């Protein structure tokens, strides 16, 4: 399952997305059920991807508080396992 939160920021660049992710990554990973982060694209627009065990409205609000106006996607992946 994929949930997209589109928020516009004037001229989102790869540098600004990378910087936002670098500044917020630790805080994001401290949220229960967040298992990873990355950078993705939707229709040629850069976005921050947040991989989660299960999407919930509460989790979405927590991510929004951290990322502010940057666009993000919540991707429900379930639990990751190392092989």
PDB file of N, CA and C in Angstrom:
ATOM      1  N   UNK A   1       0.845  -1.177   0.000  1.00  0.00           N
ATOM      2  CA  UNK A   1       0.000   0.000   0.000  1.00  0.00           C
ATOM      3  C   UNK A   1       0.886   1.235   0.000  1.00  0.00           C
ATOM      4  N   UNK A   2       0.479   2.243  -0.737  1.00  0.00           N
ATOM      5  CA  UNK A   2       1.247   3.472  -0.846  1.00  0.00           C
ATOM      6  C   UNK A   2       0.319   4.633  -0.584  1.00  0.00           C
ATOM      7  N   UNK A   3       0.717   5.542   0.272  1.00  0.00           N
ATOM      8  CA  UNK A   3      -0.063   6.739   0.525  1.00  0.00           C
ATOM      9  C   UNK A   3       0.817   7.932   0.230  1.00  0.00           C
ATOM     10  N   UNK A   4       0.318   8.865  -0.547  1.00  0.00           N
ATOM     11  CA  UNK A   4       1.110  10.005  -0.983  1.00  0.00           C
ATOM     12  C   UNK A   4       0.555  11.269  -0.344  1.00  0.00           C
ATOM     13  N   UNK A   5       1.440  12.031   0.196  1.00  0.00           N
ATOM     14  CA  UNK A   5       1.085  13.338   0.759  1.00  0.00           C
ATOM     15  C   UNK A   5       1.775  14.374  -0.097  1.00  0.00           C
ATOM     16  N   UNK A   6       1.025  15.104  -0.893  1.00  0.00           N
ATOM     17  CA  UNK A   6       1.630  16.097  -1.774  1.00  0.00           C
ATOM     18  C   UNK A   6       1.501  17.469  -1.140  1.00  0.00           C
ATOM     19  N   UNK A   7       2.615  18.092  -0.962  1.00  0.00           N
ATOM     20  CA  UNK A   7       2.673  19.457  -0.452  1.00  0.00           C
ATOM     21  C   UNK A   7       3.671  20.184  -1.328  1.00  0.00           C
ATOM     22  N   UNK A   8       3.386  21.387  -1.705  1.00  0.00           N
ATOM     23  CA  UNK A   8       4.309  22.051  -2.617  1.00  0.00           C
ATOM     24  C   UNK A   8       5.243  22.992  -1.868  1.00  0.00           C
ATOM     25  N   UNK A   9       6.461  22.983  -2.308  1.00  0.00           N
ATOM     26  CA  UNK A   9       7.490  23.894  -1.830  1.00  0.00           C
ATOM     27  C   UNK A   9       8.046  24.527  -3.085  1.00  0.00           C
ATOM     28  N   UNK A  10       8.277  25.818  -3.044  1.00  0.00           N
ATOM     29  CA  UNK A  10       8.819  26.477  -4.226  1.00  0.00           C
ATOM     30  C   UNK A  10      10.139  25.847  -4.626  1.00  0.00           C
ATOM     31  N   UNK A  11      10.201  25.430  -5.882  1.00  0.00           N
ATOM     32  CA  UNK A  11      11.411  24.869  -6.472  1.00  0.00           C
ATOM     33  C   UNK A  11      12.077  23.810  -5.601  1.00  0.00           C
ATOM     34  N   UNK A  12      11.435  22.695  -5.465  1.00  0.00           N
ATOM     35  CA  UNK A  12      12.042  21.585  -4.739  1.00  0.00           C
ATOM     36  C   UNK A  12      13.145  21.015  -5.620  1.00  0.00           C
ATOM     37  N   UNK A  13      14.334  21.007  -5.081  1.00  0.00           N
ATOM     38  CA  UNK A  13      15.472  20.479  -5.824  1.00  0.00           C
ATOM     39  C   UNK A  13      15.957  19.206  -5.141  1.00  0.00           C
ATOM     40  N   UNK A  14      16.761  18.455  -5.844  1.00  0.00           N
ATOM     41  CA  UNK A  14      17.328  17.253  -5.248  1.00  0.00           C
ATOM     42  C   UNK A  14      18.145  17.619  -4.012  1.00  0.00           C
ATOM     43  N   UNK A  15      18.851  18.726  -4.082  1.00  0.00           N
ATOM     44  CA  UNK A  15      19.669  19.169  -2.943  1.00  0.00           C
ATOM     45  C   UNK A  15      18.790  19.497  -1.739  1.00  0.00           C
ATOM     46  N   UNK A  16      17.667  20.189  -1.972  1.00  0.00           N
ATOM     47  CA  UNK A  16      16.807  20.555  -0.838  1.00  0.00           C
ATOM     48  C   UNK A  16      16.131  19.323  -0.239  1.00  0.00           C
ATOM     49  N   UNK A  17      15.730  18.359  -1.083  1.00  0.00           N
ATOM     50  CA  UNK A  17      15.131  17.123  -0.580  1.00  0.00           C
ATOM     51  C   UNK A  17      16.156  16.331   0.224  1.00  0.00           C
ATOM     52  N   UNK A  18      17.370  16.192  -0.317  1.00  0.00           N
ATOM     53  CA  UNK A  18      18.424  15.457   0.401  1.00  0.00           C
ATOM     54  C   UNK A  18      18.740  16.116   1.738  1.00  0.00           C
ATOM     55  N   UNK A  19      18.798  17.443   1.734  1.00  0.00           N
ATOM     56  CA  UNK A  19      19.081  18.186   2.961  1.00  0.00           C
ATOM     57  C   UNK A  19      17.962  17.980   3.988  1.00  0.00           C
ATOM     58  N   UNK A  20      16.710  18.063   3.547  1.00  0.00           N
ATOM     59  CA  UNK A  20      15.573  17.869   4.453  1.00  0.00           C
ATOM     60  C   UNK A  20      15.590  16.459   5.033  1.00  0.00           C
ATOM     61  N   UNK A  21      15.883  15.470   4.192  1.00  0.00           N
ATOM     62  CA  UNK A  21      15.927  14.091   4.673  1.00  0.00           C
ATOM     63  C   UNK A  21      17.072  13.891   5.654  1.00  0.00           C
ATOM     64  N   UNK A  22      18.223  14.460   5.346  1.00  0.00           N
ATOM     65  CA  UNK A  22      19.380  14.323   6.232  1.00  0.00           C
ATOM     66  C   UNK A  22      19.076  14.933   7.609  1.00  0.00           C
ATOM     67  N   UNK A  23      18.417  16.086   7.616  1.00  0.00           N
ATOM     68  CA  UNK A  23      18.108  16.772   8.877  1.00  0.00           C
ATOM     69  C   UNK A  23      17.029  16.048   9.686  1.00  0.00           C
ATOM     70  N   UNK A  24      16.132  15.345   9.009  1.00  0.00           N
ATOM     71  CA  UNK A  24      14.989  14.755   9.707  1.00  0.00           C
ATOM     72  C   UNK A  24      15.058  13.237   9.849  1.00  0.00           C
ATOM     73  N   UNK A  25      16.041  12.592   9.248  1.00  0.00           N
ATOM     74  CA  UNK A  25      16.085  11.134   9.198  1.00  0.00           C
ATOM     75  C   UNK A  25      16.052  10.488  10.583  1.00  0.00           C
ATOM     76  N   UNK A  26      16.857  10.959  11.505  1.00  0.00           N
ATOM     77  CA  UNK A  26      16.890  10.357  12.854  1.00  0.00           C
ATOM     78  C   UNK A  26      15.547  10.475  13.552  1.00  0.00           C
ATOM     79  N   UNK A  27      14.919  11.646  13.418  1.00  0.00           N
ATOM     80  CA  UNK A  27      13.615  11.839  14.053  1.00  0.00           C
ATOM     81  C   UNK A  27      12.563  10.926  13.427  1.00  0.00           C
ATOM     82  N   UNK A  28      12.619  10.767  12.107  1.00  0.00           N
ATOM     83  CA  UNK A  28      11.666   9.880  11.437  1.00  0.00           C
ATOM     84  C   UNK A  28      11.839   8.439  11.902  1.00  0.00           C
ATOM     85  N   UNK A  29      13.087   7.998  11.985  1.00  0.00           N
ATOM     86  CA  UNK A  29      13.351   6.607  12.353  1.00  0.00           C
ATOM     87  C   UNK A  29      13.014   6.295  13.814  1.00  0.00           C
ATOM     88  N   UNK A  30      12.835   7.329  14.630  1.00  0.00           N
ATOM     89  CA  UNK A  30      12.422   7.122  16.021  1.00  0.00           C
ATOM     90  C   UNK A  30      10.921   6.877  16.159  1.00  0.00           C
ATOM     91  N   UNK A  31      10.166   7.159  15.097  1.00  0.00           N
ATOM     92  CA  UNK A  31       8.719   6.942  15.139  1.00  0.00           C
ATOM     93  C   UNK A  31       8.449   5.442  15.062  1.00  0.00           C
ATOM     94  N   UNK A  32       7.593   4.950  15.957  1.00  0.00           N
ATOM     95  CA  UNK A  32       7.194   3.544  15.906  1.00  0.00           C
ATOM     96  C   UNK A  32       6.657   3.211  14.523  1.00  0.00           C
ATOM     97  N   UNK A  33       7.013   2.076  14.004  1.00  0.00           N
ATOM     98  CA  UNK A  33       6.564   1.552  12.711  1.00  0.00           C
ATOM     99  C   UNK A  33       7.269   2.155  11.498  1.00  0.00           C
ATOM    100  N   UNK A  34       8.129   3.169  11.673  1.00  0.00           N
ATOM    101  CA  UNK A  34       8.942   3.647  10.539  1.00  0.00           C
ATOM    102  C   UNK A  34      10.172   2.757  10.476  1.00  0.00           C
ATOM    103  N   UNK A  35      10.427   2.185   9.286  1.00  0.00           N
ATOM    104  CA  UNK A  35      11.547   1.259   9.175  1.00  0.00           C
ATOM    105  C   UNK A  35      12.599   1.698   8.174  1.00  0.00           C
ATOM    106  N   UNK A  36      12.345   2.795   7.458  1.00  0.00           N
ATOM    107  CA  UNK A  36      13.349   3.272   6.518  1.00  0.00           C
ATOM    108  C   UNK A  36      12.890   4.548   5.834  1.00  0.00           C
ATOM    109  N   UNK A  37      13.843   5.210   5.177  1.00  0.00           N
ATOM    110  CA  UNK A  37      13.544   6.441   4.440  1.00  0.00           C
ATOM    111  C   UNK A  37      14.330   6.447   3.139  1.00  0.00           C
ATOM    112  N   UNK A  38      13.936   7.297   2.235  1.00  0.00           N
ATOM    113  CA  UNK A  38      14.635   7.427   0.970  1.00  0.00           C
ATOM    114  C   UNK A  38      14.076   8.589   0.179  1.00  0.00           C
ATOM    115  N   UNK A  39      14.520   8.691  -1.065  1.00  0.00           N
ATOM    116  CA  UNK A  39      14.056   9.740  -1.967  1.00  0.00           C
ATOM    117  C   UNK A  39      13.441   9.058  -3.176  1.00  0.00           C
ATOM    118  N   UNK A  40      12.295   9.542  -3.593  1.00  0.00           N
ATOM    119  CA  UNK A  40      11.619   8.972  -4.751  1.00  0.00           C
ATOM    120  C   UNK A  40      11.065  10.055  -5.646  1.00  0.00           C
ATOM    121  N   UNK A  41      10.323   9.633  -6.651  1.00  0.00           N
ATOM    122  CA  UNK A  41       9.685  10.564  -7.581  1.00  0.00           C
ATOM    123  C   UNK A  41       8.258  10.131  -7.836  1.00  0.00           C
ATOM    124  N   UNK A  42       7.399  11.118  -7.969  1.00  0.00           N
ATOM    125  CA  UNK A  42       6.030  10.893  -8.420  1.00  0.00           C
ATOM    126  C   UNK A  42       5.794  11.893  -9.536  1.00  0.00           C
ATOM    127  N   UNK A  43       5.516  11.371 -10.727  1.00  0.00           N
ATOM    128  CA  UNK A  43       5.268  12.240 -11.880  1.00  0.00           C
ATOM    129  C   UNK A  43       6.357  13.303 -12.011  1.00  0.00           C
ATOM    130  N   UNK A  44       7.595  12.894 -11.986  1.00  0.00           N
ATOM    131  CA  UNK A  44       8.759  13.769 -12.139  1.00  0.00           C
ATOM    132  C   UNK A  44       8.967  14.765 -10.996  1.00  0.00           C
ATOM    133  N   UNK A  45       8.232  14.619  -9.914  1.00  0.00           N
ATOM    134  CA  UNK A  45       8.421  15.476  -8.742  1.00  0.00           C
ATOM    135  C   UNK A  45       9.150  14.684  -7.667  1.00  0.00           C
ATOM    136  N   UNK A  46      10.199  15.265  -7.097  1.00  0.00           N
ATOM    137  CA  UNK A  46      10.936  14.599  -6.019  1.00  0.00           C
ATOM    138  C   UNK A  46      10.101  14.566  -4.746  1.00  0.00           C
ATOM    139  N   UNK A  47      10.259  13.498  -3.992  1.00  0.00           N
ATOM    140  CA  UNK A  47       9.513  13.320  -2.749  1.00  0.00           C
ATOM    141  C   UNK A  47      10.361  12.523  -1.758  1.00  0.00           C
ATOM    142  N   UNK A  48      10.082  12.685  -0.489  1.00  0.00           N
ATOM    143  CA  UNK A  48      10.734  11.882   0.540  1.00  0.00           C
ATOM    144  C   UNK A  48       9.870  10.643   0.757  1.00  0.00           C
ATOM    145  N   UNK A  49      10.487   9.475   0.697  1.00  0.00           N
ATOM    146  CA  UNK A  49       9.761   8.222   0.927  1.00  0.00           C
ATOM    147  C   UNK A  49      10.008   7.769   2.363  1.00  0.00           C
ATOM    148  N   UNK A  50       8.932   7.380   3.019  1.00  0.00           N
ATOM    149  CA  UNK A  50       9.019   6.878   4.378  1.00  0.00           C
ATOM    150  C   UNK A  50       8.405   5.478   4.365  1.00  0.00           C
ATOM    151  N   UNK A  51       9.235   4.479   4.611  1.00  0.00           N
ATOM    152  CA  UNK A  51       8.798   3.085   4.608  1.00  0.00           C
ATOM    153  C   UNK A  51       8.316   2.717   6.008  1.00  0.00           C
ATOM    154  N   UNK A  52       7.100   2.172   6.078  1.00  0.00           N
ATOM    155  CA  UNK A  52       6.489   1.895   7.370  1.00  0.00           C
ATOM    156  C   UNK A  52       5.917   0.482   7.413  1.00  0.00           C
ATOM    157  N   UNK A  53       5.785  -0.041   8.641  1.00  0.00           N
ATOM    158  CA  UNK A  53       5.161  -1.355   8.802  1.00  0.00           C
ATOM    159  C   UNK A  53       3.683  -1.283   8.440  1.00  0.00           C
ATOM    160  N   UNK A  54       2.996  -0.249   8.932  1.00  0.00           N
ATOM    161  CA  UNK A  54       1.559  -0.091   8.688  1.00  0.00           C
ATOM    162  C   UNK A  54       1.223   1.396   8.703  1.00  0.00           C
ATOM    163  N   UNK A  55       0.484   1.849   7.702  1.00  0.00           N
ATOM    164  CA  UNK A  55       0.075   3.257   7.613  1.00  0.00           C
ATOM    165  C   UNK A  55      -1.109   3.500   8.542  1.00  0.00           C
ATOM    166  N   UNK A  56      -1.033   4.623   9.259  1.00  0.00           N
ATOM    167  CA  UNK A  56      -2.151   5.041  10.108  1.00  0.00           C
ATOM    168  C   UNK A  56      -2.227   6.567  10.077  1.00  0.00           C
ATOM    169  N   UNK A  57      -3.400   7.135  10.381  1.00  0.00           N
ATOM    170  CA  UNK A  57      -3.523   8.599  10.425  1.00  0.00           C
ATOM    171  C   UNK A  57      -2.558   9.224  11.440  1.00  0.00           C
ATOM    172  N   UNK A  58      -2.371   8.565  12.579  1.00  0.00           N
ATOM    173  CA  UNK A  58      -1.460   9.080  13.610  1.00  0.00           C
ATOM    174  C   UNK A  58      -0.025   9.128  13.090  1.00  0.00           C
ATOM    175  N   UNK A  59       0.391   8.075  12.408  1.00  0.00           N
ATOM    176  CA  UNK A  59       1.739   8.023  11.859  1.00  0.00           C
ATOM    177  C   UNK A  59       1.909   9.118  10.804  1.00  0.00           C
ATOM    178  N   UNK A  60       0.908   9.310   9.964  1.00  0.00           N
ATOM    179  CA  UNK A  60       0.969  10.350   8.944  1.00  0.00           C
ATOM    180  C   UNK A  60       1.120  11.740   9.577  1.00  0.00           C
ATOM    181  N   UNK A  61       0.387  11.991  10.662  1.00  0.00           N
ATOM    182  CA  UNK A  61       0.503  13.286  11.353  1.00  0.00           C
ATOM    183  C   UNK A  61       1.895  13.494  11.925  1.00  0.00           C
ATOM    184  N   UNK A  62       2.477  12.436  12.490  1.00  0.00           N
ATOM    185  CA  UNK A  62       3.825  12.548  13.059  1.00  0.00           C
ATOM    186  C   UNK A  62       4.852  12.867  11.974  1.00  0.00           C
ATOM    187  N   UNK A  63       4.746  12.184  10.847  1.00  0.00           N
ATOM    188  CA  UNK A  63       5.675  12.440   9.736  1.00  0.00           C
ATOM    189  C   UNK A  63       5.487  13.861   9.219  1.00  0.00           C
ATOM    190  N   UNK A  64       4.243  14.303   9.084  1.00  0.00           N
ATOM    191  CA  UNK A  64       3.953  15.656   8.612  1.00  0.00           C
ATOM    192  C   UNK A  64       4.554  16.709   9.538  1.00  0.00           C
ATOM    193  N   UNK A  65       4.470  16.481  10.850  1.00  0.00           N
ATOM    194  CA  UNK A  65       5.060  17.441  11.795  1.00  0.00           C
ATOM    195  C   UNK A  65       6.566  17.564  11.599  1.00  0.00           C
ATOM    196  N   UNK A  66       7.208  16.465  11.237  1.00  0.00           N
ATOM    197  CA  UNK A  66       8.661  16.487  11.055  1.00  0.00           C
ATOM    198  C   UNK A  66       9.048  17.079   9.701  1.00  0.00           C
ATOM    199  N   UNK A  67       8.349  16.694   8.640  1.00  0.00           N
ATOM    200  CA  UNK A  67       8.748  17.107   7.290  1.00  0.00           C
ATOM    201  C   UNK A  67       8.140  18.428   6.835  1.00  0.00           C
ATOM    202  N   UNK A  68       7.134  18.911   7.549  1.00  0.00           N
ATOM    203  CA  UNK A  68       6.544  20.197   7.196  1.00  0.00           C
ATOM    204  C   UNK A  68       6.003  20.227   5.776  1.00  0.00           C
ATOM    205  N   UNK A  69       6.471  21.172   4.988  1.00  0.00           N
ATOM    206  CA  UNK A  69       5.945  21.375   3.641  1.00  0.00           C
ATOM    207  C   UNK A  69       6.580  20.502   2.574  1.00  0.00           C
ATOM    208  N   UNK A  70       7.521  19.664   2.932  1.00  0.00           N
ATOM    209  CA  UNK A  70       8.132  18.807   1.918  1.00  0.00           C
ATOM    210  C   UNK A  70       7.175  17.673   1.550  1.00  0.00           C
ATOM    211  N   UNK A  71       7.056  17.365   0.248  1.00  0.00           N
ATOM    212  CA  UNK A  71       6.185  16.263  -0.161  1.00  0.00           C
ATOM    213  C   UNK A  71       6.767  14.931   0.293  1.00  0.00           C
ATOM    214  N   UNK A  72       5.885  14.036   0.710  1.00  0.00           N
ATOM    215  CA  UNK A  72       6.365  12.715   1.131  1.00  0.00           C
ATOM    216  C   UNK A  72       5.376  11.636   0.741  1.00  0.00           C
ATOM    217  N   UNK A  73       5.883  10.414   0.697  1.00  0.00           N
ATOM    218  CA  UNK A  73       5.087   9.223   0.445  1.00  0.00           C
ATOM    219  C   UNK A  73       5.268   8.294   1.622  1.00  0.00           C
ATOM    220  N   UNK A  74       4.183   7.733   2.106  1.00  0.00           N
ATOM    221  CA  UNK A  74       4.266   6.657   3.081  1.00  0.00           C
ATOM    222  C   UNK A  74       4.069   5.369   2.298  1.00  0.00           C
ATOM    223  N   UNK A  75       5.010   4.458   2.413  1.00  0.00           N
ATOM    224  CA  UNK A  75       4.887   3.180   1.729  1.00  0.00           C
ATOM    225  C   UNK A  75       4.848   2.062   2.762  1.00  0.00           C
ATOM    226  N   UNK A  76       3.723   1.358   2.770  1.00  0.00           N
ATOM    227  CA  UNK A  76       3.542   0.256   3.715  1.00  0.00           C
ATOM    228  C   UNK A  76       4.265  -0.975   3.169  1.00  0.00           C
ATOM    229  N   UNK A  77       5.303  -1.392   3.892  1.00  0.00           N
ATOM    230  CA  UNK A  77       6.129  -2.497   3.418  1.00  0.00           C
ATOM    231  C   UNK A  77       6.042  -3.722   4.311  1.00  0.00           C
ATOM    232  N   UNK A  78       5.489  -3.559   5.496  1.00  0.00           N
ATOM    233  CA  UNK A  78       5.568  -4.627   6.470  1.00  0.00           C
ATOM    234  C   UNK A  78       6.951  -4.585   7.097  1.00  0.00           C
ATOM    235  N   UNK A  79       7.283  -5.606   7.822  1.00  0.00           N
ATOM    236  CA  UNK A  79       8.558  -5.685   8.515  1.00  0.00           C
ATOM    237  C   UNK A  79       9.660  -6.146   7.543  1.00  0.00           C
ATOM    238  N   UNK A  80      10.851  -5.593   7.673  1.00  0.00           N
ATOM    239  CA  UNK A  80      11.987  -6.011   6.867  1.00  0.00           C
ATOM    240  C   UNK A  80      12.749  -7.116   7.605  1.00  0.00           C
ATOM    241  N   UNK A  81      13.275  -8.054   6.875  1.00  0.00           N
ATOM    242  CA  UNK A  81      14.082  -9.117   7.449  1.00  0.00           C
ATOM    243  C   UNK A  81      15.403  -9.223   6.711  1.00  0.00           C
ATOM    244  N   UNK A  82      16.486  -9.395   7.439  1.00  0.00           N
ATOM    245  CA  UNK A  82      17.805  -9.606   6.840  1.00  0.00           C
ATOM    246  C   UNK A  82      17.970 -11.086   6.558  1.00  0.00           C
ATOM    247  N   UNK A  83      18.572 -11.409   5.448  1.00  0.00           N
ATOM    248  CA  UNK A  83      18.813 -12.808   5.087  1.00  0.00           C
ATOM    249  C   UNK A  83      20.278 -13.140   5.225  1.00  0.00           C
TER     250      UNK A  83
END
